[in-house]
Amino acid sequence: MKAQKILSQCLPHPNISADYFKENLLKLYAFSDFHLSGDPPTKPMDIFGENWKNHSEKIIENWKREVTEEDTVLLPGDISWGMRLEETGKDFAFIESLPGKKLLLKGNHDYWWSTRNKIETFFAQKGFKTMQLVFNSAERVGDITVCGTRGWLYNAETAEDKKIVARENGRLIASLNAAKALGGTPVVFLHYPPAYDTAQCRELLDTMQIYGVKECYYGHIHGDHAAKKAPLGEYGGIKMHLVSCDYIRFTPKLVRKDAEIG
């Protein structure tokens, strides 16, 4: 294991503890919107563009090049086209086969999403051991605390939309409160961007600002043209990152680098 090898080379050290190295040699990635549909795919994604052709093979190649077993990858939604949990087995077997721990968020096309208990029971029955939900919860990865929720439309106007936004904001608050208890620096992951073009999901942006969040990663937006209207870089004091897999060329986006030793 990479972390163990470096740890053994660097210790003992008069001023740095073993816990420091264990914590700081972790890497966290974000990688969204796989839109898997079995093997062979029942819903091939190349109907949306030539760049999607054989996209699962691109994901495998780039994931294995970048990610080790010690690392964690956050998948913020639109994971599988399966309509029911029972239809997602091949897609989650695909993800399970890849290195590292995976943290999952719900996307707008994850119709299979059920209660935490049902999903975790399904994973256990299938022998999937590397996947975990972020749902009204948070997870500590090194010095970062992962938190987030699906989010909702940035231009929500109907009464029903506003009700969903309020619910999603409540889930984000629950996740950020869980992050407080874990310590570390909170980083928010959403499926929907919290803003797009001139529209904003003000509730989610306000919550992130109140809790002092400095970075937010999201998916949902596809294609370079659409990405031009998405928030990228500094936005309201928060650094925004789009991590839909086609936008980042089917390569996991590094959120947190290894600590430099020197």
C-alpha atoms as a PDB file:
ATOM      1  CA  MET A   1       0.000   0.000   0.000  1.00  0.00           C
ATOM      2  CA  LYS A   2       1.316   3.439  -0.991  1.00  0.00           C
ATOM      3  CA  ALA A   3       0.509   5.144   2.310  1.00  0.00           C
ATOM      4  CA  GLN A   4       1.984   2.315   4.370  1.00  0.00           C
ATOM      5  CA  LYS A   5       5.179   2.299   2.299  1.00  0.00           C
ATOM      6  CA  ILE A   6       5.733   6.039   2.725  1.00  0.00           C
ATOM      7  CA  LEU A   7       4.821   5.792   6.392  1.00  0.00           C
ATOM      8  CA  SER A   8       7.446   3.094   6.993  1.00  0.00           C
ATOM      9  CA  GLN A   9      10.078   5.139   5.158  1.00  0.00           C
ATOM     10  CA  CYS A  10       9.402   8.326   7.072  1.00  0.00           C
ATOM     11  CA  LEU A  11       9.082   7.014  10.638  1.00  0.00           C
ATOM     12  CA  PRO A  12      10.434   7.402  13.192  1.00  0.00           C
ATOM     13  CA  HIS A  13      10.612  11.188  12.881  1.00  0.00           C
ATOM     14  CA  PRO A  14      11.336  13.394  15.894  1.00  0.00           C
ATOM     15  CA  ASN A  15       8.581  15.930  15.223  1.00  0.00           C
ATOM     16  CA  ILE A  16       5.877  14.187  13.150  1.00  0.00           C
ATOM     17  CA  SER A  17       3.545  11.477  14.410  1.00  0.00           C
ATOM     18  CA  ALA A  18       2.300   8.353  12.641  1.00  0.00           C
ATOM     19  CA  ASP A  19      -1.240   9.745  12.817  1.00  0.00           C
ATOM     20  CA  TYR A  20      -0.118  12.779  10.812  1.00  0.00           C
ATOM     21  CA  PHE A  21       1.035  10.604   7.932  1.00  0.00           C
ATOM     22  CA  LYS A  22      -1.990   8.310   8.042  1.00  0.00           C
ATOM     23  CA  GLU A  23      -4.261  11.349   7.815  1.00  0.00           C
ATOM     24  CA  ASN A  24      -2.326  13.369   5.256  1.00  0.00           C
ATOM     25  CA  LEU A  25      -1.472  10.657   2.745  1.00  0.00           C
ATOM     26  CA  LEU A  26      -5.125  10.178   1.889  1.00  0.00           C
ATOM     27  CA  LYS A  27      -6.516  11.514  -1.380  1.00  0.00           C
ATOM     28  CA  LEU A  28     -10.088  12.527  -2.095  1.00  0.00           C
ATOM     29  CA  TYR A  29     -11.560  12.710  -5.600  1.00  0.00           C
ATOM     30  CA  ALA A  30     -14.919  13.785  -7.070  1.00  0.00           C
ATOM     31  CA  PHE A  31     -16.420  12.103 -10.139  1.00  0.00           C
ATOM     32  CA  SER A  32     -20.073  12.547 -11.145  1.00  0.00           C
ATOM     33  CA  ASP A  33     -22.819  11.475 -13.553  1.00  0.00           C
ATOM     34  CA  PHE A  34     -21.702   8.043 -14.750  1.00  0.00           C
ATOM     35  CA  HIS A  35     -25.186   7.202 -16.096  1.00  0.00           C
ATOM     36  CA  LEU A  36     -24.450   3.477 -16.062  1.00  0.00           C
ATOM     37  CA  SER A  37     -26.954   0.970 -17.472  1.00  0.00           C
ATOM     38  CA  GLY A  38     -25.435  -2.485 -17.223  1.00  0.00           C
ATOM     39  CA  ASP A  39     -22.941  -4.335 -19.417  1.00  0.00           C
ATOM     40  CA  PRO A  40     -23.606  -4.160 -22.284  1.00  0.00           C
ATOM     41  CA  PRO A  41     -25.371  -0.847 -21.619  1.00  0.00           C
ATOM     42  CA  THR A  42     -29.111  -0.807 -22.161  1.00  0.00           C
ATOM     43  CA  LYS A  43     -28.984   2.972 -22.490  1.00  0.00           C
ATOM     44  CA  PRO A  44     -25.762   3.848 -24.366  1.00  0.00           C
ATOM     45  CA  MET A  45     -24.671   7.395 -23.640  1.00  0.00           C
ATOM     46  CA  ASP A  46     -23.037   8.051 -26.990  1.00  0.00           C
ATOM     47  CA  ILE A  47     -26.415   9.257 -28.266  1.00  0.00           C
ATOM     48  CA  PHE A  48     -25.428  12.452 -26.416  1.00  0.00           C
ATOM     49  CA  GLY A  49     -22.142  12.817 -28.272  1.00  0.00           C
ATOM     50  CA  GLU A  50     -19.150  10.952 -29.622  1.00  0.00           C
ATOM     51  CA  ASN A  51     -17.170  11.747 -26.458  1.00  0.00           C
ATOM     52  CA  TRP A  52     -19.494   9.394 -24.535  1.00  0.00           C
ATOM     53  CA  LYS A  53     -18.582   6.396 -26.695  1.00  0.00           C
ATOM     54  CA  ASN A  54     -17.270   3.555 -24.484  1.00  0.00           C
ATOM     55  CA  HIS A  55     -17.350   5.945 -21.532  1.00  0.00           C
ATOM     56  CA  SER A  56     -17.318   3.153 -18.938  1.00  0.00           C
ATOM     57  CA  GLU A  57     -13.983   1.916 -20.341  1.00  0.00           C
ATOM     58  CA  LYS A  58     -12.608   5.457 -20.066  1.00  0.00           C
ATOM     59  CA  ILE A  59     -13.785   5.635 -16.464  1.00  0.00           C
ATOM     60  CA  ILE A  60     -12.044   2.337 -15.622  1.00  0.00           C
ATOM     61  CA  GLU A  61      -8.771   3.320 -17.275  1.00  0.00           C
ATOM     62  CA  ASN A  62      -8.535   6.778 -15.734  1.00  0.00           C
ATOM     63  CA  TRP A  63      -9.815   5.720 -12.306  1.00  0.00           C
ATOM     64  CA  LYS A  64      -7.253   2.925 -12.019  1.00  0.00           C
ATOM     65  CA  ARG A  65      -4.478   5.258 -13.115  1.00  0.00           C
ATOM     66  CA  GLU A  66      -5.333   7.893 -10.498  1.00  0.00           C
ATOM     67  CA  VAL A  67      -6.959   6.167  -7.522  1.00  0.00           C
ATOM     68  CA  THR A  68      -5.402   3.728  -5.035  1.00  0.00           C
ATOM     69  CA  GLU A  69      -7.068   1.505  -2.446  1.00  0.00           C
ATOM     70  CA  GLU A  70      -6.280   4.100   0.263  1.00  0.00           C
ATOM     71  CA  ASP A  71      -8.157   6.861  -1.570  1.00  0.00           C
ATOM     72  CA  THR A  72     -11.794   7.975  -1.481  1.00  0.00           C
ATOM     73  CA  VAL A  73     -13.971   8.970  -4.445  1.00  0.00           C
ATOM     74  CA  LEU A  74     -17.152  11.016  -4.017  1.00  0.00           C
ATOM     75  CA  LEU A  75     -19.846  10.252  -6.609  1.00  0.00           C
ATOM     76  CA  PRO A  76     -22.407  13.100  -6.499  1.00  0.00           C
ATOM     77  CA  GLY A  77     -25.307  11.498  -8.298  1.00  0.00           C
ATOM     78  CA  ASP A  78     -26.727  10.152 -11.556  1.00  0.00           C
ATOM     79  CA  ILE A  79     -24.892   6.911 -10.981  1.00  0.00           C
ATOM     80  CA  SER A  80     -27.251   4.369 -12.568  1.00  0.00           C
ATOM     81  CA  TRP A  81     -30.204   4.517 -14.955  1.00  0.00           C
ATOM     82  CA  GLY A  82     -31.851   1.670 -13.015  1.00  0.00           C
ATOM     83  CA  MET A  83     -35.440   2.471 -12.083  1.00  0.00           C
ATOM     84  CA  ARG A  84     -35.483   0.100  -9.098  1.00  0.00           C
ATOM     85  CA  LEU A  85     -32.698  -0.845  -6.696  1.00  0.00           C
ATOM     86  CA  GLU A  86     -32.823  -4.446  -7.946  1.00  0.00           C
ATOM     87  CA  GLU A  87     -31.902  -3.210 -11.442  1.00  0.00           C
ATOM     88  CA  THR A  88     -28.645  -1.571 -10.340  1.00  0.00           C
ATOM     89  CA  GLY A  89     -26.633  -4.686  -9.428  1.00  0.00           C
ATOM     90  CA  LYS A  90     -24.328  -4.641 -12.475  1.00  0.00           C
ATOM     91  CA  ASP A  91     -23.718  -0.923 -12.163  1.00  0.00           C
ATOM     92  CA  PHE A  92     -22.745  -1.117  -8.507  1.00  0.00           C
ATOM     93  CA  ALA A  93     -20.649  -4.211  -9.184  1.00  0.00           C
ATOM     94  CA  PHE A  94     -18.788  -2.055 -11.724  1.00  0.00           C
ATOM     95  CA  ILE A  95     -18.144   0.635  -9.099  1.00  0.00           C
ATOM     96  CA  GLU A  96     -17.296  -1.921  -6.412  1.00  0.00           C
ATOM     97  CA  SER A  97     -14.589  -3.391  -8.661  1.00  0.00           C
ATOM     98  CA  LEU A  98     -12.694  -0.088  -8.779  1.00  0.00           C
ATOM     99  CA  PRO A  99     -10.031   0.845  -6.187  1.00  0.00           C
ATOM    100  CA  GLY A 100     -10.773   2.925  -3.118  1.00  0.00           C
ATOM    101  CA  LYS A 101     -13.715   3.817  -0.934  1.00  0.00           C
ATOM    102  CA  LYS A 102     -16.743   5.412  -2.608  1.00  0.00           C
ATOM    103  CA  LEU A 103     -19.140   7.936  -1.085  1.00  0.00           C
ATOM    104  CA  LEU A 104     -22.481   8.264  -2.877  1.00  0.00           C
ATOM    105  CA  LEU A 105     -24.922  11.164  -3.240  1.00  0.00           C
ATOM    106  CA  LYS A 106     -28.311  11.086  -4.929  1.00  0.00           C
ATOM    107  CA  GLY A 107     -28.835  12.612  -8.387  1.00  0.00           C
ATOM    108  CA  ASN A 108     -32.032  13.564 -10.189  1.00  0.00           C
ATOM    109  CA  HIS A 109     -31.865  10.414 -12.381  1.00  0.00           C
ATOM    110  CA  ASP A 110     -31.176   8.003  -9.507  1.00  0.00           C
ATOM    111  CA  TYR A 111     -34.753   6.731  -9.470  1.00  0.00           C
ATOM    112  CA  TRP A 112     -33.561   3.566  -7.713  1.00  0.00           C
ATOM    113  CA  TRP A 113     -32.656   5.561  -4.580  1.00  0.00           C
ATOM    114  CA  SER A 114     -34.571   4.305  -1.561  1.00  0.00           C
ATOM    115  CA  THR A 115     -34.165   4.552   2.204  1.00  0.00           C
ATOM    116  CA  ARG A 116     -30.695   4.317   3.692  1.00  0.00           C
ATOM    117  CA  ASN A 117     -31.601   1.004   5.321  1.00  0.00           C
ATOM    118  CA  LYS A 118     -32.822  -0.567   2.059  1.00  0.00           C
ATOM    119  CA  ILE A 119     -29.771   0.578   0.087  1.00  0.00           C
ATOM    120  CA  GLU A 120     -27.315  -0.559   2.757  1.00  0.00           C
ATOM    121  CA  THR A 121     -29.105  -3.911   3.056  1.00  0.00           C
ATOM    122  CA  PHE A 122     -28.918  -4.314  -0.737  1.00  0.00           C
ATOM    123  CA  PHE A 123     -25.190  -3.555  -0.705  1.00  0.00           C
ATOM    124  CA  ALA A 124     -24.619  -6.059   2.112  1.00  0.00           C
ATOM    125  CA  GLN A 125     -26.580  -8.787   0.309  1.00  0.00           C
ATOM    126  CA  LYS A 126     -24.521  -8.217  -2.845  1.00  0.00           C
ATOM    127  CA  GLY A 127     -21.239  -8.190  -0.934  1.00  0.00           C
ATOM    128  CA  PHE A 128     -20.505  -4.562  -1.807  1.00  0.00           C
ATOM    129  CA  LYS A 129     -18.176  -3.278   0.915  1.00  0.00           C
ATOM    130  CA  THR A 130     -16.553  -0.150  -0.507  1.00  0.00           C
ATOM    131  CA  MET A 131     -19.608   2.096  -0.934  1.00  0.00           C
ATOM    132  CA  GLN A 132     -21.229   4.363   1.624  1.00  0.00           C
ATOM    133  CA  LEU A 133     -24.029   6.947   1.458  1.00  0.00           C
ATOM    134  CA  VAL A 134     -23.787  10.633   2.297  1.00  0.00           C
ATOM    135  CA  PHE A 135     -27.414  11.299   3.210  1.00  0.00           C
ATOM    136  CA  ASN A 136     -28.198  13.608   6.144  1.00  0.00           C
ATOM    137  CA  SER A 137     -24.673  12.719   7.236  1.00  0.00           C
ATOM    138  CA  ALA A 138     -20.992  13.533   6.751  1.00  0.00           C
ATOM    139  CA  GLU A 139     -17.751  11.588   6.368  1.00  0.00           C
ATOM    140  CA  ARG A 140     -14.261  12.564   7.461  1.00  0.00           C
ATOM    141  CA  VAL A 141     -11.532  12.010   4.846  1.00  0.00           C
ATOM    142  CA  GLY A 142      -8.175  13.174   6.169  1.00  0.00           C
ATOM    143  CA  ASP A 143      -8.544  16.828   7.124  1.00  0.00           C
ATOM    144  CA  ILE A 144     -11.657  17.292   4.969  1.00  0.00           C
ATOM    145  CA  THR A 145     -15.202  16.529   6.062  1.00  0.00           C
ATOM    146  CA  VAL A 146     -17.415  15.514   3.156  1.00  0.00           C
ATOM    147  CA  CYS A 147     -20.984  16.745   3.355  1.00  0.00           C
ATOM    148  CA  GLY A 148     -23.792  17.521   0.951  1.00  0.00           C
ATOM    149  CA  THR A 149     -27.127  16.637  -0.596  1.00  0.00           C
ATOM    150  CA  ARG A 150     -28.755  16.374  -4.017  1.00  0.00           C
ATOM    151  CA  GLY A 151     -29.898  20.005  -4.159  1.00  0.00           C
ATOM    152  CA  TRP A 152     -32.641  21.140  -6.494  1.00  0.00           C
ATOM    153  CA  LEU A 153     -33.396  23.451  -9.370  1.00  0.00           C
ATOM    154  CA  TYR A 154     -31.578  26.781  -9.276  1.00  0.00           C
ATOM    155  CA  ASN A 155     -34.661  28.430 -10.833  1.00  0.00           C
ATOM    156  CA  ALA A 156     -37.283  26.767  -8.621  1.00  0.00           C
ATOM    157  CA  GLU A 157     -40.483  28.806  -8.807  1.00  0.00           C
ATOM    158  CA  THR A 158     -43.471  26.533  -8.136  1.00  0.00           C
ATOM    159  CA  ALA A 159     -44.764  25.818  -4.652  1.00  0.00           C
ATOM    160  CA  GLU A 160     -43.712  22.164  -5.034  1.00  0.00           C
ATOM    161  CA  ASP A 161     -40.204  23.164  -6.120  1.00  0.00           C
ATOM    162  CA  LYS A 162     -39.871  25.495  -3.149  1.00  0.00           C
ATOM    163  CA  LYS A 163     -40.957  22.690  -0.828  1.00  0.00           C
ATOM    164  CA  ILE A 164     -38.223  20.435  -2.271  1.00  0.00           C
ATOM    165  CA  VAL A 165     -35.627  23.199  -1.955  1.00  0.00           C
ATOM    166  CA  ALA A 166     -36.543  23.629   1.721  1.00  0.00           C
ATOM    167  CA  ARG A 167     -36.185  19.876   2.274  1.00  0.00           C
ATOM    168  CA  GLU A 168     -32.829  19.754   0.475  1.00  0.00           C
ATOM    169  CA  ASN A 169     -31.592  22.739   2.437  1.00  0.00           C
ATOM    170  CA  GLY A 170     -32.596  20.963   5.652  1.00  0.00           C
ATOM    171  CA  ARG A 171     -30.569  17.937   4.550  1.00  0.00           C
ATOM    172  CA  LEU A 172     -27.573  20.127   3.797  1.00  0.00           C
ATOM    173  CA  ILE A 173     -27.841  21.703   7.255  1.00  0.00           C
ATOM    174  CA  ALA A 174     -28.049  18.229   8.849  1.00  0.00           C
ATOM    175  CA  SER A 175     -24.965  17.176   6.898  1.00  0.00           C
ATOM    176  CA  LEU A 176     -23.031  20.320   7.873  1.00  0.00           C
ATOM    177  CA  ASN A 177     -23.995  19.841  11.533  1.00  0.00           C
ATOM    178  CA  ALA A 178     -22.737  16.249  11.326  1.00  0.00           C
ATOM    179  CA  ALA A 179     -19.522  17.618   9.821  1.00  0.00           C
ATOM    180  CA  LYS A 180     -19.087  19.941  12.802  1.00  0.00           C
ATOM    181  CA  ALA A 181     -19.131  16.967  15.132  1.00  0.00           C
ATOM    182  CA  LEU A 182     -16.451  15.219  13.058  1.00  0.00           C
ATOM    183  CA  GLY A 183     -14.135  18.224  12.836  1.00  0.00           C
ATOM    184  CA  GLY A 184     -12.040  18.970   9.780  1.00  0.00           C
ATOM    185  CA  THR A 185     -12.729  21.405   6.951  1.00  0.00           C
ATOM    186  CA  PRO A 186     -16.245  21.039   5.486  1.00  0.00           C
ATOM    187  CA  VAL A 187     -16.447  20.673   1.706  1.00  0.00           C
ATOM    188  CA  VAL A 188     -19.898  20.518   0.127  1.00  0.00           C
ATOM    189  CA  PHE A 189     -20.844  18.152  -2.689  1.00  0.00           C
ATOM    190  CA  LEU A 190     -24.127  18.574  -4.554  1.00  0.00           C
ATOM    191  CA  HIS A 191     -25.682  17.027  -7.616  1.00  0.00           C
ATOM    192  CA  TYR A 192     -27.317  20.192  -8.933  1.00  0.00           C
ATOM    193  CA  PRO A 193     -25.192  23.340  -9.163  1.00  0.00           C
ATOM    194  CA  PRO A 194     -26.363  25.938  -6.619  1.00  0.00           C
ATOM    195  CA  ALA A 195     -26.527  28.521  -9.422  1.00  0.00           C
ATOM    196  CA  TYR A 196     -26.741  28.525 -13.216  1.00  0.00           C
ATOM    197  CA  ASP A 197     -26.595  31.445 -15.628  1.00  0.00           C
ATOM    198  CA  THR A 198     -28.467  34.245 -13.816  1.00  0.00           C
ATOM    199  CA  ALA A 199     -30.474  31.939 -11.520  1.00  0.00           C
ATOM    200  CA  GLN A 200     -29.503  30.977  -7.963  1.00  0.00           C
ATOM    201  CA  CYS A 201     -30.647  28.502  -5.351  1.00  0.00           C
ATOM    202  CA  ARG A 202     -30.299  31.168  -2.699  1.00  0.00           C
ATOM    203  CA  GLU A 203     -31.186  28.880   0.202  1.00  0.00           C
ATOM    204  CA  LEU A 204     -28.269  26.496  -0.426  1.00  0.00           C
ATOM    205  CA  LEU A 205     -25.826  29.324  -1.132  1.00  0.00           C
ATOM    206  CA  ASP A 206     -26.849  31.112   2.074  1.00  0.00           C
ATOM    207  CA  THR A 207     -26.437  27.934   4.121  1.00  0.00           C
ATOM    208  CA  MET A 208     -22.953  27.318   2.740  1.00  0.00           C
ATOM    209  CA  GLN A 209     -21.955  30.898   3.494  1.00  0.00           C
ATOM    210  CA  ILE A 210     -23.370  30.742   7.039  1.00  0.00           C
ATOM    211  CA  TYR A 211     -21.383  27.571   7.729  1.00  0.00           C
ATOM    212  CA  GLY A 212     -18.206  29.024   6.260  1.00  0.00           C
ATOM    213  CA  VAL A 213     -17.964  26.574   3.346  1.00  0.00           C
ATOM    214  CA  LYS A 214     -15.182  27.570   0.958  1.00  0.00           C
ATOM    215  CA  GLU A 215     -15.472  24.843  -1.695  1.00  0.00           C
ATOM    216  CA  CYS A 216     -18.392  23.193  -3.492  1.00  0.00           C
ATOM    217  CA  TYR A 217     -18.346  20.386  -6.089  1.00  0.00           C
ATOM    218  CA  TYR A 218     -21.349  19.525  -8.248  1.00  0.00           C
ATOM    219  CA  GLY A 219     -22.417  17.559 -11.345  1.00  0.00           C
ATOM    220  CA  HIS A 220     -25.604  17.524 -13.455  1.00  0.00           C
ATOM    221  CA  ILE A 221     -24.335  19.902 -16.172  1.00  0.00           C
ATOM    222  CA  HIS A 222     -23.145  18.216 -19.367  1.00  0.00           C
ATOM    223  CA  GLY A 223     -21.188  19.531 -22.320  1.00  0.00           C
ATOM    224  CA  ASP A 224     -18.717  22.367 -22.656  1.00  0.00           C
ATOM    225  CA  HIS A 225     -21.377  24.752 -23.985  1.00  0.00           C
ATOM    226  CA  ALA A 226     -23.702  24.283 -20.996  1.00  0.00           C
ATOM    227  CA  ALA A 227     -20.723  24.517 -18.638  1.00  0.00           C
ATOM    228  CA  LYS A 228     -20.113  28.097 -19.761  1.00  0.00           C
ATOM    229  CA  LYS A 229     -23.223  29.123 -17.803  1.00  0.00           C
ATOM    230  CA  ALA A 230     -22.303  27.122 -14.687  1.00  0.00           C
ATOM    231  CA  PRO A 231     -20.459  28.715 -11.754  1.00  0.00           C
ATOM    232  CA  LEU A 232     -16.762  27.912 -12.007  1.00  0.00           C
ATOM    233  CA  GLY A 233     -14.096  29.339  -9.748  1.00  0.00           C
ATOM    234  CA  GLU A 234     -14.945  31.953  -7.110  1.00  0.00           C
ATOM    235  CA  TYR A 235     -18.672  32.525  -6.656  1.00  0.00           C
ATOM    236  CA  GLY A 236     -20.021  34.368  -3.625  1.00  0.00           C
ATOM    237  CA  GLY A 237     -16.915  33.543  -1.637  1.00  0.00           C
ATOM    238  CA  ILE A 238     -17.115  29.822  -2.504  1.00  0.00           C
ATOM    239  CA  LYS A 239     -14.861  28.085  -5.024  1.00  0.00           C
ATOM    240  CA  MET A 240     -17.088  26.112  -7.399  1.00  0.00           C
ATOM    241  CA  HIS A 241     -16.087  22.960  -9.311  1.00  0.00           C
ATOM    242  CA  LEU A 242     -18.036  21.091 -12.014  1.00  0.00           C
ATOM    243  CA  VAL A 243     -17.209  17.359 -11.918  1.00  0.00           C
ATOM    244  CA  SER A 244     -19.629  15.755 -14.405  1.00  0.00           C
ATOM    245  CA  CYS A 245     -17.550  12.978 -15.929  1.00  0.00           C
ATOM    246  CA  ASP A 246     -17.786  14.198 -19.525  1.00  0.00           C
ATOM    247  CA  TYR A 247     -16.704  17.710 -18.521  1.00  0.00           C
ATOM    248  CA  ILE A 248     -13.606  16.411 -16.707  1.00  0.00           C
ATOM    249  CA  ARG A 249     -12.834  14.015 -19.576  1.00  0.00           C
ATOM    250  CA  PHE A 250     -13.848  10.902 -17.623  1.00  0.00           C
ATOM    251  CA  THR A 251     -10.989  11.395 -15.154  1.00  0.00           C
ATOM    252  CA  PRO A 252     -11.616  11.754 -11.393  1.00  0.00           C
ATOM    253  CA  LYS A 253     -11.079  15.298 -10.124  1.00  0.00           C
ATOM    254  CA  LEU A 254      -8.575  15.547  -7.287  1.00  0.00           C
ATOM    255  CA  VAL A 255     -10.089  17.410  -4.341  1.00  0.00           C
ATOM    256  CA  ARG A 256      -7.286  16.926  -1.871  1.00  0.00           C
ATOM    257  CA  LYS A 257      -3.619  16.241  -2.647  1.00  0.00           C
ATOM    258  CA  ASP A 258      -1.151  14.173  -0.661  1.00  0.00           C
ATOM    259  CA  ALA A 259       0.777  16.183   1.893  1.00  0.00           C
ATOM    260  CA  GLU A 260       4.179  17.182   0.617  1.00  0.00           C
ATOM    261  CA  ILE A 261       6.961  15.751   2.716  1.00  0.00           C
ATOM    262  CA  GLY A 262      10.149  17.661   2.849  1.00  0.00           C
END
